[in-house]
Amino acid sequence: MELTTPTASALDALVELWLDLARDQRAHGSHLCVTANENQIRESLSQRLVVGGVRIARVDDEPVGFATFYPEQGVFEQEYDRGIIENLYVTAPHRGNGIGTALLEAAVDALREGGADRIALDVLAANERARSFYRDHGFEPHRVEMERRP
């Protein structure tokens, strides 16, 4: 497995991985429309590529996973400088081989080097496998989002 900071030439592969991620998350209750967001995610990934906020994992030169991340910037002063892991995804055939851990550690390292004191991420409540993965890597619940129908 090779883990790199990709260039703009990886954009199409990253978009395809994100679309796979969005499809995968639908099984866990995500409300995201997959293909309807393709143009927006292409723009978002382009911006992350420019600032170095992407890592991609390849096996035999095939893209099999990615992580996107950024330093949190808001209007409120906070006690800590937080880094946000926005996406972390590994294709199903490659899960359980340490790729997710490598991507997570690369994102955390980059955010720490950028000054982050805390790292945050979102995970769907119904995605127990992902929640377990993050707990195993030291993440604990901080906020809980709740939802209901009107």
C-alpha atoms as a PDB file:
ATOM      1  CA  MET A   1       0.000   0.000   0.000  1.00  0.00           C
ATOM      2  CA  GLU A   2       1.243   3.447  -0.913  1.00  0.00           C
ATOM      3  CA  LEU A   3      -0.040   6.542   0.876  1.00  0.00           C
ATOM      4  CA  THR A   4       0.542   9.935  -0.767  1.00  0.00           C
ATOM      5  CA  THR A   5      -0.521  13.541  -0.848  1.00  0.00           C
ATOM      6  CA  PRO A   6      -2.133  13.582  -4.289  1.00  0.00           C
ATOM      7  CA  THR A   7      -1.942  16.233  -6.971  1.00  0.00           C
ATOM      8  CA  ALA A   8      -4.724  17.574  -9.170  1.00  0.00           C
ATOM      9  CA  SER A   9      -4.204  14.606 -11.513  1.00  0.00           C
ATOM     10  CA  ALA A  10      -5.897  12.390  -8.889  1.00  0.00           C
ATOM     11  CA  LEU A  11      -9.104  14.446  -8.846  1.00  0.00           C
ATOM     12  CA  ASP A  12     -11.202  12.059 -10.965  1.00  0.00           C
ATOM     13  CA  ALA A  13     -10.157   9.061  -8.853  1.00  0.00           C
ATOM     14  CA  LEU A  14     -10.953  10.984  -5.656  1.00  0.00           C
ATOM     15  CA  VAL A  15     -14.393  11.955  -6.945  1.00  0.00           C
ATOM     16  CA  GLU A  16     -15.119   8.286  -7.729  1.00  0.00           C
ATOM     17  CA  LEU A  17     -13.990   7.262  -4.243  1.00  0.00           C
ATOM     18  CA  TRP A  18     -16.209   9.949  -2.687  1.00  0.00           C
ATOM     19  CA  LEU A  19     -19.190   8.741  -4.741  1.00  0.00           C
ATOM     20  CA  ASP A  20     -18.506   5.206  -3.447  1.00  0.00           C
ATOM     21  CA  LEU A  21     -18.341   6.597   0.090  1.00  0.00           C
ATOM     22  CA  ALA A  22     -21.655   8.415  -0.345  1.00  0.00           C
ATOM     23  CA  ARG A  23     -23.309   5.254  -1.723  1.00  0.00           C
ATOM     24  CA  ASP A  24     -21.899   3.228   1.172  1.00  0.00           C
ATOM     25  CA  GLN A  25     -23.176   5.709   3.751  1.00  0.00           C
ATOM     26  CA  ARG A  26     -26.738   5.500   2.424  1.00  0.00           C
ATOM     27  CA  ALA A  27     -26.920   2.046   4.072  1.00  0.00           C
ATOM     28  CA  HIS A  28     -26.235   3.766   7.409  1.00  0.00           C
ATOM     29  CA  GLY A  29     -28.899   6.456   7.090  1.00  0.00           C
ATOM     30  CA  SER A  30     -27.086   9.202   5.180  1.00  0.00           C
ATOM     31  CA  HIS A  31     -29.414  11.640   3.459  1.00  0.00           C
ATOM     32  CA  LEU A  32     -26.830  12.699   0.856  1.00  0.00           C
ATOM     33  CA  CYS A  33     -27.895  12.346  -2.757  1.00  0.00           C
ATOM     34  CA  VAL A  34     -24.948  10.675  -4.423  1.00  0.00           C
ATOM     35  CA  THR A  35     -24.703  11.822  -8.047  1.00  0.00           C
ATOM     36  CA  ALA A  36     -26.533  15.114  -7.424  1.00  0.00           C
ATOM     37  CA  ASN A  37     -23.506  16.233  -5.387  1.00  0.00           C
ATOM     38  CA  GLU A  38     -20.816  15.239  -7.870  1.00  0.00           C
ATOM     39  CA  ASN A  39     -20.054  18.765  -9.081  1.00  0.00           C
ATOM     40  CA  GLN A  40     -19.980  20.182  -5.568  1.00  0.00           C
ATOM     41  CA  ILE A  41     -17.691  17.433  -4.284  1.00  0.00           C
ATOM     42  CA  ARG A  42     -15.399  17.899  -7.299  1.00  0.00           C
ATOM     43  CA  GLU A  43     -15.029  21.559  -6.305  1.00  0.00           C
ATOM     44  CA  SER A  44     -14.535  20.721  -2.626  1.00  0.00           C
ATOM     45  CA  LEU A  45     -11.916  18.064  -3.387  1.00  0.00           C
ATOM     46  CA  SER A  46     -10.144  20.471  -5.750  1.00  0.00           C
ATOM     47  CA  GLN A  47      -9.863  22.976  -2.911  1.00  0.00           C
ATOM     48  CA  ARG A  48      -8.573  20.327  -0.490  1.00  0.00           C
ATOM     49  CA  LEU A  49      -5.984  19.237  -3.076  1.00  0.00           C
ATOM     50  CA  VAL A  50      -4.677  22.790  -3.436  1.00  0.00           C
ATOM     51  CA  VAL A  51      -4.063  23.163   0.302  1.00  0.00           C
ATOM     52  CA  GLY A  52      -2.740  19.634   0.859  1.00  0.00           C
ATOM     53  CA  GLY A  53      -5.721  18.417   2.862  1.00  0.00           C
ATOM     54  CA  VAL A  54      -6.012  15.041   1.107  1.00  0.00           C
ATOM     55  CA  ARG A  55      -4.261  11.717   1.421  1.00  0.00           C
ATOM     56  CA  ILE A  56      -4.879   8.847  -0.970  1.00  0.00           C
ATOM     57  CA  ALA A  57      -4.094   5.171  -0.554  1.00  0.00           C
ATOM     58  CA  ARG A  58      -3.174   3.012  -3.532  1.00  0.00           C
ATOM     59  CA  VAL A  59      -2.655  -0.712  -3.859  1.00  0.00           C
ATOM     60  CA  ASP A  60      -0.906  -1.763  -7.070  1.00  0.00           C
ATOM     61  CA  ASP A  61      -1.462   1.823  -8.285  1.00  0.00           C
ATOM     62  CA  GLU A  62      -5.242   1.465  -7.817  1.00  0.00           C
ATOM     63  CA  PRO A  63      -6.876   4.123  -5.576  1.00  0.00           C
ATOM     64  CA  VAL A  64      -8.479   2.224  -2.675  1.00  0.00           C
ATOM     65  CA  GLY A  65      -9.073   4.918  -0.070  1.00  0.00           C
ATOM     66  CA  PHE A  66      -8.742   8.550   0.877  1.00  0.00           C
ATOM     67  CA  ALA A  67      -8.983  11.041   3.704  1.00  0.00           C
ATOM     68  CA  THR A  68      -9.782  14.747   3.586  1.00  0.00           C
ATOM     69  CA  PHE A  69      -9.177  17.137   6.452  1.00  0.00           C
ATOM     70  CA  TYR A  70      -8.781  20.810   7.356  1.00  0.00           C
ATOM     71  CA  PRO A  71      -8.159  23.108  10.314  1.00  0.00           C
ATOM     72  CA  GLU A  72     -11.428  24.305  11.825  1.00  0.00           C
ATOM     73  CA  GLN A  73     -11.945  28.037  11.386  1.00  0.00           C
ATOM     74  CA  GLY A  74     -14.981  29.731  12.768  1.00  0.00           C
ATOM     75  CA  VAL A  75     -16.261  32.933  14.219  1.00  0.00           C
ATOM     76  CA  PHE A  76     -16.096  31.748  17.828  1.00  0.00           C
ATOM     77  CA  GLU A  77     -12.931  31.617  19.904  1.00  0.00           C
ATOM     78  CA  GLN A  78     -12.445  28.127  21.304  1.00  0.00           C
ATOM     79  CA  GLU A  79     -10.315  26.629  24.020  1.00  0.00           C
ATOM     80  CA  TYR A  80      -8.523  24.389  21.507  1.00  0.00           C
ATOM     81  CA  ASP A  81      -7.428  24.587  17.897  1.00  0.00           C
ATOM     82  CA  ARG A  82      -9.314  21.759  16.233  1.00  0.00           C
ATOM     83  CA  GLY A  83      -8.630  19.856  13.075  1.00  0.00           C
ATOM     84  CA  ILE A  84     -11.528  18.266  11.239  1.00  0.00           C
ATOM     85  CA  ILE A  85     -11.353  14.958   9.416  1.00  0.00           C
ATOM     86  CA  GLU A  86     -14.040  15.454   6.827  1.00  0.00           C
ATOM     87  CA  ASN A  87     -13.948  12.112   5.007  1.00  0.00           C
ATOM     88  CA  LEU A  88     -12.182   8.816   5.533  1.00  0.00           C
ATOM     89  CA  TYR A  89     -13.004   5.931   3.234  1.00  0.00           C
ATOM     90  CA  VAL A  90     -11.539   2.604   2.190  1.00  0.00           C
ATOM     91  CA  THR A  91     -13.152   0.476  -0.505  1.00  0.00           C
ATOM     92  CA  ALA A  92     -14.839  -2.659   0.850  1.00  0.00           C
ATOM     93  CA  PRO A  93     -12.357  -5.224  -0.552  1.00  0.00           C
ATOM     94  CA  HIS A  94      -9.460  -3.441   1.171  1.00  0.00           C
ATOM     95  CA  ARG A  95     -10.968  -2.919   4.621  1.00  0.00           C
ATOM     96  CA  GLY A  96      -9.302  -4.617   7.559  1.00  0.00           C
ATOM     97  CA  ASN A  97      -5.805  -4.334   6.056  1.00  0.00           C
ATOM     98  CA  GLY A  98      -4.606  -1.254   7.957  1.00  0.00           C
ATOM     99  CA  ILE A  99      -5.350   1.231   5.174  1.00  0.00           C
ATOM    100  CA  GLY A 100      -7.944   3.130   7.205  1.00  0.00           C
ATOM    101  CA  THR A 101      -5.543   3.339  10.129  1.00  0.00           C
ATOM    102  CA  ALA A 102      -2.769   4.645   7.876  1.00  0.00           C
ATOM    103  CA  LEU A 103      -5.089   7.276   6.364  1.00  0.00           C
ATOM    104  CA  LEU A 104      -6.375   8.306   9.789  1.00  0.00           C
ATOM    105  CA  GLU A 105      -2.864   8.621  11.212  1.00  0.00           C
ATOM    106  CA  ALA A 106      -1.707  10.635   8.185  1.00  0.00           C
ATOM    107  CA  ALA A 107      -4.622  13.065   8.577  1.00  0.00           C
ATOM    108  CA  VAL A 108      -4.062  13.384  12.336  1.00  0.00           C
ATOM    109  CA  ASP A 109      -0.324  13.953  11.828  1.00  0.00           C
ATOM    110  CA  ALA A 110      -0.922  16.661   9.212  1.00  0.00           C
ATOM    111  CA  LEU A 111      -3.482  18.407  11.417  1.00  0.00           C
ATOM    112  CA  ARG A 112      -1.199  18.191  14.473  1.00  0.00           C
ATOM    113  CA  GLU A 113       1.685  19.634  12.444  1.00  0.00           C
ATOM    114  CA  GLY A 114      -0.674  22.452  11.455  1.00  0.00           C
ATOM    115  CA  GLY A 115      -1.284  23.292  15.106  1.00  0.00           C
ATOM    116  CA  ALA A 116      -4.394  21.280  16.001  1.00  0.00           C
ATOM    117  CA  ASP A 117      -4.794  20.431  19.699  1.00  0.00           C
ATOM    118  CA  ARG A 118      -7.916  18.305  19.107  1.00  0.00           C
ATOM    119  CA  ILE A 119      -9.182  16.300  16.149  1.00  0.00           C
ATOM    120  CA  ALA A 120     -12.898  15.953  15.418  1.00  0.00           C
ATOM    121  CA  LEU A 121     -14.915  13.960  12.914  1.00  0.00           C
ATOM    122  CA  ASP A 122     -18.508  12.954  12.272  1.00  0.00           C
ATOM    123  CA  VAL A 123     -19.728   9.396  11.981  1.00  0.00           C
ATOM    124  CA  LEU A 124     -23.253   8.185  11.328  1.00  0.00           C
ATOM    125  CA  ALA A 125     -24.852   6.734  14.445  1.00  0.00           C
ATOM    126  CA  ALA A 126     -25.932   3.581  12.590  1.00  0.00           C
ATOM    127  CA  ASN A 127     -22.425   2.876  11.285  1.00  0.00           C
ATOM    128  CA  GLU A 128     -21.241   0.759  14.210  1.00  0.00           C
ATOM    129  CA  ARG A 129     -18.180  -0.528  12.342  1.00  0.00           C
ATOM    130  CA  ALA A 130     -16.908   3.016  11.780  1.00  0.00           C
ATOM    131  CA  ARG A 131     -17.770   4.059  15.333  1.00  0.00           C
ATOM    132  CA  SER A 132     -15.826   1.078  16.672  1.00  0.00           C
ATOM    133  CA  PHE A 133     -12.868   1.883  14.391  1.00  0.00           C
ATOM    134  CA  TYR A 134     -12.704   5.454  15.686  1.00  0.00           C
ATOM    135  CA  ARG A 135     -13.116   4.368  19.326  1.00  0.00           C
ATOM    136  CA  ASP A 136     -10.221   1.930  18.816  1.00  0.00           C
ATOM    137  CA  HIS A 137      -8.142   4.929  17.684  1.00  0.00           C
ATOM    138  CA  GLY A 138      -8.911   7.053  20.732  1.00  0.00           C
ATOM    139  CA  PHE A 139     -11.919   9.041  19.540  1.00  0.00           C
ATOM    140  CA  GLU A 140     -14.729   9.592  22.030  1.00  0.00           C
ATOM    141  CA  PRO A 141     -18.157  11.158  21.587  1.00  0.00           C
ATOM    142  CA  HIS A 142     -18.087  14.916  22.018  1.00  0.00           C
ATOM    143  CA  ARG A 143     -21.372  16.100  20.519  1.00  0.00           C
ATOM    144  CA  VAL A 144     -24.444  14.150  19.563  1.00  0.00           C
ATOM    145  CA  GLU A 145     -26.650  15.285  16.674  1.00  0.00           C
ATOM    146  CA  MET A 146     -30.274  14.285  16.964  1.00  0.00           C
ATOM    147  CA  GLU A 147     -32.887  14.224  14.232  1.00  0.00           C
ATOM    148  CA  ARG A 148     -36.613  13.700  13.836  1.00  0.00           C
ATOM    149  CA  ARG A 149     -39.322  14.126  11.276  1.00  0.00           C
ATOM    150  CA  PRO A 150     -41.491  17.250  11.684  1.00  0.00           C
END
